[in-house]
Amino acid sequence: MSKKTNYSYVGIAFIILVFGIIFIPRIIDRVSEGDVIRDESRSEDVLAPNTNLKGTKPYKSDLVYLEINGEPKKVPAFSFTNQNGETISNKDFIGKVYVVEFFFTTCPTICPIMNRNLVEVQNQFNNLEDFGVASFTISPEIDTPEVLKAYADQYGITNPNWHLMTGDETAIYKLANEGFNLYTAKDETVEGGFEHSGNFALIDKEGFIRSRTDNFGNPMIFYNGLIAEADGVDDDGMSQEITILKEDIAKLLKE
């Protein structure tokens, strides 16, 4: 072997030695300081998003709070009459996890689907005093307490904390569109005469709107109530969300 070759090996060895002395301690320091982290072995706290979808505060579970201007959005005050003729307000739901929907009894399209799905949710949490449902009619002129009572019997609504409520139309529409951001409007051009969301809102025991996040870390906000759990997906390939609604109710019941 020539001297030139020996000098090449010596040079390479020297470079490796210098790299080890200078850079390896720096890498170790970065790891120990948390700059280099293995994503697949890390568990992250889920942060509550605000309106620009950037979280700032850690909470108790992986269900985030919907935030408006940096503040968790709480259910506004309401007071209506239920199917039993009783006055029910937001205060009656404090200490309970509950699902919110807007519907009407003469709805020929999505409401029957929504309420059959909610009955499935009801049956999952049967006999739990801290679970309920708040159903607000968007057709209060027709949906009197007596009509709502017959509707409840028809659909097998048995949970005493499932209140089907009627009352002042203006107040109901304001609650839907501003309080929950669940779109509701009269429209004589559509079947049934009303447009409304087929989504459910999930409320925690303290009256805050909660949801899980999507794969990008953004809040789902609402749960699609238009696909049955047994169906899996609809004709457009959209997945049902009743299963995850049940899972998230169970999480909030433990808080």
C-alpha atoms as a PDB file:
ATOM      1  CA  MET A   1       0.000   0.000   0.000  1.00  0.00           C
ATOM      2  CA  SER A   2       1.403   3.410  -0.953  1.00  0.00           C
ATOM      3  CA  LYS A   3       2.132   6.229   1.434  1.00  0.00           C
ATOM      4  CA  LYS A   4      -0.429   8.305  -0.478  1.00  0.00           C
ATOM      5  CA  THR A   5      -3.150   5.795   0.310  1.00  0.00           C
ATOM      6  CA  ASN A   6      -2.152   5.704   3.972  1.00  0.00           C
ATOM      7  CA  TYR A   7      -2.371   9.477   4.152  1.00  0.00           C
ATOM      8  CA  SER A   8      -5.906   9.324   2.668  1.00  0.00           C
ATOM      9  CA  TYR A   9      -7.122   6.898   5.369  1.00  0.00           C
ATOM     10  CA  VAL A  10      -5.520   9.012   8.062  1.00  0.00           C
ATOM     11  CA  GLY A  11      -7.235  12.102   6.701  1.00  0.00           C
ATOM     12  CA  ILE A  12     -10.659  10.462   6.627  1.00  0.00           C
ATOM     13  CA  ALA A  13     -10.233   9.136  10.160  1.00  0.00           C
ATOM     14  CA  PHE A  14      -9.251  12.588  11.335  1.00  0.00           C
ATOM     15  CA  ILE A  15     -12.368  14.149   9.782  1.00  0.00           C
ATOM     16  CA  ILE A  16     -14.621  11.557  11.440  1.00  0.00           C
ATOM     17  CA  LEU A  17     -12.955  12.192  14.799  1.00  0.00           C
ATOM     18  CA  VAL A  18     -13.440  15.955  14.488  1.00  0.00           C
ATOM     19  CA  PHE A  19     -17.125  15.489  13.521  1.00  0.00           C
ATOM     20  CA  GLY A  20     -17.688  13.298  16.582  1.00  0.00           C
ATOM     21  CA  ILE A  21     -16.050  15.768  18.927  1.00  0.00           C
ATOM     22  CA  ILE A  22     -17.881  18.837  17.611  1.00  0.00           C
ATOM     23  CA  PHE A  23     -21.326  17.790  16.369  1.00  0.00           C
ATOM     24  CA  ILE A  24     -22.439  14.753  18.408  1.00  0.00           C
ATOM     25  CA  PRO A  25     -22.587  16.690  21.722  1.00  0.00           C
ATOM     26  CA  ARG A  26     -24.666  19.356  19.974  1.00  0.00           C
ATOM     27  CA  ILE A  27     -27.157  16.789  18.709  1.00  0.00           C
ATOM     28  CA  ILE A  28     -27.422  15.278  22.192  1.00  0.00           C
ATOM     29  CA  ASP A  29     -28.075  18.739  23.638  1.00  0.00           C
ATOM     30  CA  ARG A  30     -30.835  19.421  21.130  1.00  0.00           C
ATOM     31  CA  VAL A  31     -32.565  16.150  21.913  1.00  0.00           C
ATOM     32  CA  SER A  32     -32.343  16.738  25.661  1.00  0.00           C
ATOM     33  CA  GLU A  33     -33.717  20.284  25.233  1.00  0.00           C
ATOM     34  CA  GLY A  34     -36.693  19.053  23.239  1.00  0.00           C
ATOM     35  CA  ASP A  35     -35.671  20.534  19.859  1.00  0.00           C
ATOM     36  CA  VAL A  36     -35.506  17.120  18.204  1.00  0.00           C
ATOM     37  CA  ILE A  37     -38.472  14.869  19.001  1.00  0.00           C
ATOM     38  CA  ARG A  38     -39.716  11.627  17.508  1.00  0.00           C
ATOM     39  CA  ASP A  39     -43.281  12.385  16.401  1.00  0.00           C
ATOM     40  CA  GLU A  40     -44.387   8.765  16.440  1.00  0.00           C
ATOM     41  CA  SER A  41     -43.508   8.327  20.124  1.00  0.00           C
ATOM     42  CA  ARG A  42     -44.955  11.606  21.350  1.00  0.00           C
ATOM     43  CA  SER A  43     -48.405  12.298  22.845  1.00  0.00           C
ATOM     44  CA  GLU A  44     -49.593  15.882  22.386  1.00  0.00           C
ATOM     45  CA  ASP A  45     -52.043  17.913  24.425  1.00  0.00           C
ATOM     46  CA  VAL A  46     -54.936  19.020  22.246  1.00  0.00           C
ATOM     47  CA  LEU A  47     -55.397  22.762  22.409  1.00  0.00           C
ATOM     48  CA  ALA A  48     -58.657  24.614  22.188  1.00  0.00           C
ATOM     49  CA  PRO A  49     -58.948  26.377  18.841  1.00  0.00           C
ATOM     50  CA  ASN A  50     -60.082  29.958  18.411  1.00  0.00           C
ATOM     51  CA  THR A  51     -61.602  31.466  15.289  1.00  0.00           C
ATOM     52  CA  ASN A  52     -58.307  31.331  13.384  1.00  0.00           C
ATOM     53  CA  LEU A  53     -57.899  27.650  14.344  1.00  0.00           C
ATOM     54  CA  LYS A  54     -54.785  28.159  16.463  1.00  0.00           C
ATOM     55  CA  GLY A  55     -54.948  26.675  19.949  1.00  0.00           C
ATOM     56  CA  THR A  56     -53.662  28.361  23.054  1.00  0.00           C
ATOM     57  CA  LYS A  57     -54.896  26.442  26.102  1.00  0.00           C
ATOM     58  CA  PRO A  58     -54.715  22.783  27.125  1.00  0.00           C
ATOM     59  CA  TYR A  59     -57.953  21.247  28.431  1.00  0.00           C
ATOM     60  CA  LYS A  60     -58.990  18.072  30.224  1.00  0.00           C
ATOM     61  CA  SER A  61     -59.741  15.828  27.252  1.00  0.00           C
ATOM     62  CA  ASP A  62     -59.043  15.671  23.569  1.00  0.00           C
ATOM     63  CA  LEU A  63     -62.384  17.361  22.846  1.00  0.00           C
ATOM     64  CA  VAL A  64     -61.754  21.007  22.084  1.00  0.00           C
ATOM     65  CA  TYR A  65     -63.791  24.066  22.941  1.00  0.00           C
ATOM     66  CA  LEU A  66     -65.151  26.196  20.139  1.00  0.00           C
ATOM     67  CA  GLU A  67     -63.633  29.609  20.757  1.00  0.00           C
ATOM     68  CA  ILE A  68     -64.886  32.982  19.559  1.00  0.00           C
ATOM     69  CA  ASN A  69     -62.472  35.899  19.981  1.00  0.00           C
ATOM     70  CA  GLY A  70     -60.339  33.754  22.265  1.00  0.00           C
ATOM     71  CA  GLU A  71     -63.188  32.781  24.593  1.00  0.00           C
ATOM     72  CA  PRO A  72     -64.869  29.347  24.770  1.00  0.00           C
ATOM     73  CA  LYS A  73     -68.365  29.610  23.270  1.00  0.00           C
ATOM     74  CA  LYS A  74     -71.092  28.874  25.766  1.00  0.00           C
ATOM     75  CA  VAL A  75     -74.734  28.068  25.075  1.00  0.00           C
ATOM     76  CA  PRO A  76     -76.739  31.303  25.369  1.00  0.00           C
ATOM     77  CA  ALA A  77     -79.641  31.560  27.757  1.00  0.00           C
ATOM     78  CA  PHE A  78     -82.941  30.157  26.494  1.00  0.00           C
ATOM     79  CA  SER A  79     -86.364  29.295  27.888  1.00  0.00           C
ATOM     80  CA  PHE A  80     -89.054  27.337  26.026  1.00  0.00           C
ATOM     81  CA  THR A  81     -91.916  24.902  26.639  1.00  0.00           C
ATOM     82  CA  ASN A  82     -91.327  21.171  26.245  1.00  0.00           C
ATOM     83  CA  GLN A  83     -93.603  18.327  25.131  1.00  0.00           C
ATOM     84  CA  ASN A  84     -94.959  17.980  28.668  1.00  0.00           C
ATOM     85  CA  GLY A  85     -95.927  21.638  28.976  1.00  0.00           C
ATOM     86  CA  GLU A  86     -92.973  22.365  31.287  1.00  0.00           C
ATOM     87  CA  THR A  87     -90.754  25.422  31.037  1.00  0.00           C
ATOM     88  CA  ILE A  88     -87.214  24.314  30.213  1.00  0.00           C
ATOM     89  CA  SER A  89     -84.178  26.590  30.160  1.00  0.00           C
ATOM     90  CA  ASN A  90     -80.461  26.212  29.594  1.00  0.00           C
ATOM     91  CA  LYS A  91     -80.096  25.964  33.379  1.00  0.00           C
ATOM     92  CA  ASP A  92     -81.945  22.637  33.351  1.00  0.00           C
ATOM     93  CA  PHE A  93     -79.089  21.165  31.295  1.00  0.00           C
ATOM     94  CA  ILE A  94     -76.255  22.307  33.586  1.00  0.00           C
ATOM     95  CA  GLY A  95     -74.487  19.206  34.904  1.00  0.00           C
ATOM     96  CA  LYS A  96     -75.580  17.203  31.866  1.00  0.00           C
ATOM     97  CA  VAL A  97     -73.908  16.325  28.584  1.00  0.00           C
ATOM     98  CA  TYR A  98     -76.420  16.912  25.821  1.00  0.00           C
ATOM     99  CA  VAL A  99     -76.958  16.986  22.079  1.00  0.00           C
ATOM    100  CA  VAL A 100     -78.708  19.870  20.314  1.00  0.00           C
ATOM    101  CA  GLU A 101     -80.782  19.709  17.131  1.00  0.00           C
ATOM    102  CA  PHE A 102     -83.236  21.945  15.264  1.00  0.00           C
ATOM    103  CA  PHE A 103     -86.127  20.148  13.548  1.00  0.00           C
ATOM    104  CA  PHE A 104     -89.893  20.225  12.895  1.00  0.00           C
ATOM    105  CA  THR A 105     -92.451  17.454  13.193  1.00  0.00           C
ATOM    106  CA  THR A 106     -93.885  17.801   9.661  1.00  0.00           C
ATOM    107  CA  CYS A 107     -90.438  17.621   8.061  1.00  0.00           C
ATOM    108  CA  PRO A 108     -90.666  15.205   5.104  1.00  0.00           C
ATOM    109  CA  THR A 109     -86.925  14.859   4.493  1.00  0.00           C
ATOM    110  CA  ILE A 110     -84.061  14.923   6.997  1.00  0.00           C
ATOM    111  CA  CYS A 111     -85.724  15.217  10.415  1.00  0.00           C
ATOM    112  CA  PRO A 112     -86.926  11.603  10.593  1.00  0.00           C
ATOM    113  CA  ILE A 113     -83.376  10.454   9.842  1.00  0.00           C
ATOM    114  CA  MET A 114     -81.910  12.784  12.451  1.00  0.00           C
ATOM    115  CA  ASN A 115     -84.296  11.691  15.171  1.00  0.00           C
ATOM    116  CA  ARG A 116     -83.951   7.986  14.469  1.00  0.00           C
ATOM    117  CA  ASN A 117     -80.215   8.481  14.841  1.00  0.00           C
ATOM    118  CA  LEU A 118     -80.702  10.405  18.069  1.00  0.00           C
ATOM    119  CA  VAL A 119     -82.894   7.613  19.444  1.00  0.00           C
ATOM    120  CA  GLU A 120     -79.946   5.270  18.787  1.00  0.00           C
ATOM    121  CA  VAL A 121     -77.763   7.651  20.798  1.00  0.00           C
ATOM    122  CA  GLN A 122     -80.421   7.813  23.535  1.00  0.00           C
ATOM    123  CA  ASN A 123     -80.497   4.037  23.796  1.00  0.00           C
ATOM    124  CA  GLN A 124     -76.706   3.896  24.095  1.00  0.00           C
ATOM    125  CA  PHE A 125     -76.882   6.042  27.237  1.00  0.00           C
ATOM    126  CA  ASN A 126     -80.183   4.776  28.593  1.00  0.00           C
ATOM    127  CA  ASN A 127     -80.950   5.509  32.253  1.00  0.00           C
ATOM    128  CA  LEU A 128     -78.078   8.017  32.628  1.00  0.00           C
ATOM    129  CA  GLU A 129     -79.299  11.054  34.532  1.00  0.00           C
ATOM    130  CA  ASP A 130     -76.466  13.239  33.238  1.00  0.00           C
ATOM    131  CA  PHE A 131     -77.242  12.793  29.532  1.00  0.00           C
ATOM    132  CA  GLY A 132     -79.938  14.598  27.570  1.00  0.00           C
ATOM    133  CA  VAL A 133     -81.088  15.990  24.234  1.00  0.00           C
ATOM    134  CA  ALA A 134     -82.412  19.457  23.385  1.00  0.00           C
ATOM    135  CA  SER A 135     -84.634  19.466  20.290  1.00  0.00           C
ATOM    136  CA  PHE A 136     -85.946  22.865  19.181  1.00  0.00           C
ATOM    137  CA  THR A 137     -88.768  23.052  16.671  1.00  0.00           C
ATOM    138  CA  ILE A 138     -88.415  25.631  13.891  1.00  0.00           C
ATOM    139  CA  SER A 139     -92.159  25.428  13.221  1.00  0.00           C
ATOM    140  CA  PRO A 140     -93.605  26.514  16.581  1.00  0.00           C
ATOM    141  CA  GLU A 141     -97.013  27.505  15.167  1.00  0.00           C
ATOM    142  CA  ILE A 142     -97.688  23.891  14.268  1.00  0.00           C
ATOM    143  CA  ASP A 143     -95.530  22.144  16.859  1.00  0.00           C
ATOM    144  CA  THR A 144     -97.453  22.694  20.064  1.00  0.00           C
ATOM    145  CA  PRO A 145     -96.554  20.738  23.213  1.00  0.00           C
ATOM    146  CA  GLU A 146     -99.298  18.244  22.350  1.00  0.00           C
ATOM    147  CA  VAL A 147     -97.899  17.715  18.838  1.00  0.00           C
ATOM    148  CA  LEU A 148     -94.367  17.337  20.223  1.00  0.00           C
ATOM    149  CA  LYS A 149     -95.619  14.804  22.776  1.00  0.00           C
ATOM    150  CA  ALA A 150     -97.162  12.665  20.030  1.00  0.00           C
ATOM    151  CA  TYR A 151     -93.955  12.936  18.010  1.00  0.00           C
ATOM    152  CA  ALA A 152     -91.891  11.810  21.004  1.00  0.00           C
ATOM    153  CA  ASP A 153     -94.130   8.781  21.480  1.00  0.00           C
ATOM    154  CA  GLN A 154     -93.947   7.962  17.778  1.00  0.00           C
ATOM    155  CA  TYR A 155     -90.148   7.911  17.740  1.00  0.00           C
ATOM    156  CA  GLY A 156     -89.630   6.113  21.029  1.00  0.00           C
ATOM    157  CA  ILE A 157     -88.212   9.059  22.937  1.00  0.00           C
ATOM    158  CA  THR A 158     -88.077   7.883  26.549  1.00  0.00           C
ATOM    159  CA  ASN A 159     -85.190   9.798  28.145  1.00  0.00           C
ATOM    160  CA  PRO A 160     -86.739  12.263  30.651  1.00  0.00           C
ATOM    161  CA  ASN A 161     -83.915  14.673  29.799  1.00  0.00           C
ATOM    162  CA  TRP A 162     -84.851  14.741  26.106  1.00  0.00           C
ATOM    163  CA  HIS A 163     -86.857  17.933  25.770  1.00  0.00           C
ATOM    164  CA  LEU A 164     -88.643  18.769  22.516  1.00  0.00           C
ATOM    165  CA  MET A 165     -89.196  22.499  22.820  1.00  0.00           C
ATOM    166  CA  THR A 166     -91.432  25.118  21.259  1.00  0.00           C
ATOM    167  CA  GLY A 167     -91.929  28.815  21.854  1.00  0.00           C
ATOM    168  CA  ASP A 168     -91.291  32.222  20.335  1.00  0.00           C
ATOM    169  CA  GLU A 169     -90.275  31.801  16.693  1.00  0.00           C
ATOM    170  CA  THR A 170     -87.892  34.769  16.640  1.00  0.00           C
ATOM    171  CA  ALA A 171     -86.105  33.531  19.741  1.00  0.00           C
ATOM    172  CA  ILE A 172     -85.750  30.008  18.303  1.00  0.00           C
ATOM    173  CA  TYR A 173     -84.306  31.245  15.022  1.00  0.00           C
ATOM    174  CA  LYS A 174     -81.873  33.529  16.819  1.00  0.00           C
ATOM    175  CA  LEU A 175     -80.789  30.648  19.041  1.00  0.00           C
ATOM    176  CA  ALA A 176     -80.191  28.448  16.003  1.00  0.00           C
ATOM    177  CA  ASN A 177     -78.389  30.920  13.760  1.00  0.00           C
ATOM    178  CA  GLU A 178     -76.477  32.952  16.334  1.00  0.00           C
ATOM    179  CA  GLY A 179     -76.350  30.788  19.435  1.00  0.00           C
ATOM    180  CA  PHE A 180     -75.324  27.550  17.743  1.00  0.00           C
ATOM    181  CA  ASN A 181     -74.533  28.646  14.168  1.00  0.00           C
ATOM    182  CA  LEU A 182     -76.861  25.898  12.946  1.00  0.00           C
ATOM    183  CA  TYR A 183     -78.492  27.413   9.868  1.00  0.00           C
ATOM    184  CA  THR A 184     -82.278  27.708   9.969  1.00  0.00           C
ATOM    185  CA  ALA A 185     -84.631  29.635   7.676  1.00  0.00           C
ATOM    186  CA  LYS A 186     -88.101  29.612   6.180  1.00  0.00           C
ATOM    187  CA  ASP A 187     -88.121  28.826   2.474  1.00  0.00           C
ATOM    188  CA  GLU A 188     -91.371  28.033   0.695  1.00  0.00           C
ATOM    189  CA  THR A 189     -89.463  26.840  -2.372  1.00  0.00           C
ATOM    190  CA  VAL A 190     -88.029  23.790  -0.590  1.00  0.00           C
ATOM    191  CA  GLU A 191     -89.860  20.639   0.426  1.00  0.00           C
ATOM    192  CA  GLY A 192     -91.429  21.135   3.842  1.00  0.00           C
ATOM    193  CA  GLY A 193     -91.102  24.929   3.737  1.00  0.00           C
ATOM    194  CA  PHE A 194     -87.960  25.202   5.874  1.00  0.00           C
ATOM    195  CA  GLU A 195     -84.222  24.981   5.408  1.00  0.00           C
ATOM    196  CA  HIS A 196     -82.161  23.775   8.330  1.00  0.00           C
ATOM    197  CA  SER A 197     -78.971  21.993   9.219  1.00  0.00           C
ATOM    198  CA  GLY A 198     -78.836  18.242   9.599  1.00  0.00           C
ATOM    199  CA  ASN A 199     -76.027  18.604  12.129  1.00  0.00           C
ATOM    200  CA  PHE A 200     -75.915  18.064  15.878  1.00  0.00           C
ATOM    201  CA  ALA A 201     -74.062  20.179  18.431  1.00  0.00           C
ATOM    202  CA  LEU A 202     -72.488  18.576  21.512  1.00  0.00           C
ATOM    203  CA  ILE A 203     -72.574  20.445  24.828  1.00  0.00           C
ATOM    204  CA  ASP A 204     -70.601  19.631  27.971  1.00  0.00           C
ATOM    205  CA  LYS A 205     -71.775  19.705  31.581  1.00  0.00           C
ATOM    206  CA  GLU A 206     -70.825  23.371  31.981  1.00  0.00           C
ATOM    207  CA  GLY A 207     -72.694  24.499  28.895  1.00  0.00           C
ATOM    208  CA  PHE A 208     -69.776  24.810  26.450  1.00  0.00           C
ATOM    209  CA  ILE A 209     -69.884  23.637  22.828  1.00  0.00           C
ATOM    210  CA  ARG A 210     -67.318  20.879  22.339  1.00  0.00           C
ATOM    211  CA  SER A 211     -66.060  18.712  19.481  1.00  0.00           C
ATOM    212  CA  ARG A 212     -63.131  16.610  18.349  1.00  0.00           C
ATOM    213  CA  THR A 213     -60.675  17.780  15.705  1.00  0.00           C
ATOM    214  CA  ASP A 214     -60.194  16.560  12.157  1.00  0.00           C
ATOM    215  CA  ASN A 215     -57.017  15.093  10.680  1.00  0.00           C
ATOM    216  CA  PHE A 216     -55.606  18.594  10.218  1.00  0.00           C
ATOM    217  CA  GLY A 217     -56.173  19.635  13.828  1.00  0.00           C
ATOM    218  CA  ASN A 218     -59.185  21.842  13.053  1.00  0.00           C
ATOM    219  CA  PRO A 219     -62.375  21.548  15.148  1.00  0.00           C
ATOM    220  CA  MET A 220     -65.198  19.556  13.564  1.00  0.00           C
ATOM    221  CA  ILE A 221     -67.622  21.807  15.502  1.00  0.00           C
ATOM    222  CA  PHE A 222     -70.726  19.752  14.586  1.00  0.00           C
ATOM    223  CA  TYR A 223     -71.668  16.116  13.983  1.00  0.00           C
ATOM    224  CA  ASN A 224     -73.456  14.975  10.834  1.00  0.00           C
ATOM    225  CA  GLY A 225     -76.836  13.557  11.841  1.00  0.00           C
ATOM    226  CA  LEU A 226     -77.965  12.425   8.401  1.00  0.00           C
ATOM    227  CA  ILE A 227     -76.257   9.045   8.051  1.00  0.00           C
ATOM    228  CA  ALA A 228     -77.240   6.072  10.177  1.00  0.00           C
ATOM    229  CA  GLU A 229     -74.536   4.240  12.058  1.00  0.00           C
ATOM    230  CA  ALA A 230     -75.572   0.964  10.415  1.00  0.00           C
ATOM    231  CA  ASP A 231     -75.278   2.459   6.916  1.00  0.00           C
ATOM    232  CA  GLY A 232     -71.630   3.434   7.353  1.00  0.00           C
ATOM    233  CA  VAL A 233     -71.504   5.834   4.401  1.00  0.00           C
ATOM    234  CA  ASP A 234     -74.012   7.663   2.212  1.00  0.00           C
ATOM    235  CA  ASP A 235     -74.325   7.590  -1.569  1.00  0.00           C
ATOM    236  CA  ASP A 236     -71.617  10.251  -1.873  1.00  0.00           C
ATOM    237  CA  GLY A 237     -69.152   8.251   0.199  1.00  0.00           C
ATOM    238  CA  MET A 238     -69.437  10.466   3.300  1.00  0.00           C
ATOM    239  CA  SER A 239     -68.903   8.527   6.521  1.00  0.00           C
ATOM    240  CA  GLN A 240     -71.457   8.437   9.323  1.00  0.00           C
ATOM    241  CA  GLU A 241     -70.584  10.363  12.500  1.00  0.00           C
ATOM    242  CA  ILE A 242     -73.012   8.818  14.988  1.00  0.00           C
ATOM    243  CA  THR A 243     -70.291   6.482  16.255  1.00  0.00           C
ATOM    244  CA  ILE A 244     -67.896   9.316  17.031  1.00  0.00           C
ATOM    245  CA  LEU A 245     -70.743  11.302  18.580  1.00  0.00           C
ATOM    246  CA  LYS A 246     -71.355   8.417  20.984  1.00  0.00           C
ATOM    247  CA  GLU A 247     -67.636   8.178  21.743  1.00  0.00           C
ATOM    248  CA  ASP A 248     -67.394  11.883  22.481  1.00  0.00           C
ATOM    249  CA  ILE A 249     -70.487  11.883  24.688  1.00  0.00           C
ATOM    250  CA  ALA A 250     -68.864   9.119  26.724  1.00  0.00           C
ATOM    251  CA  LYS A 251     -65.700  11.196  27.089  1.00  0.00           C
ATOM    252  CA  LEU A 252     -67.585  14.253  28.313  1.00  0.00           C
ATOM    253  CA  LEU A 253     -69.611  12.181  30.774  1.00  0.00           C
ATOM    254  CA  LYS A 254     -66.322  11.273  32.475  1.00  0.00           C
ATOM    255  CA  GLU A 255     -65.213  14.888  32.926  1.00  0.00           C
END
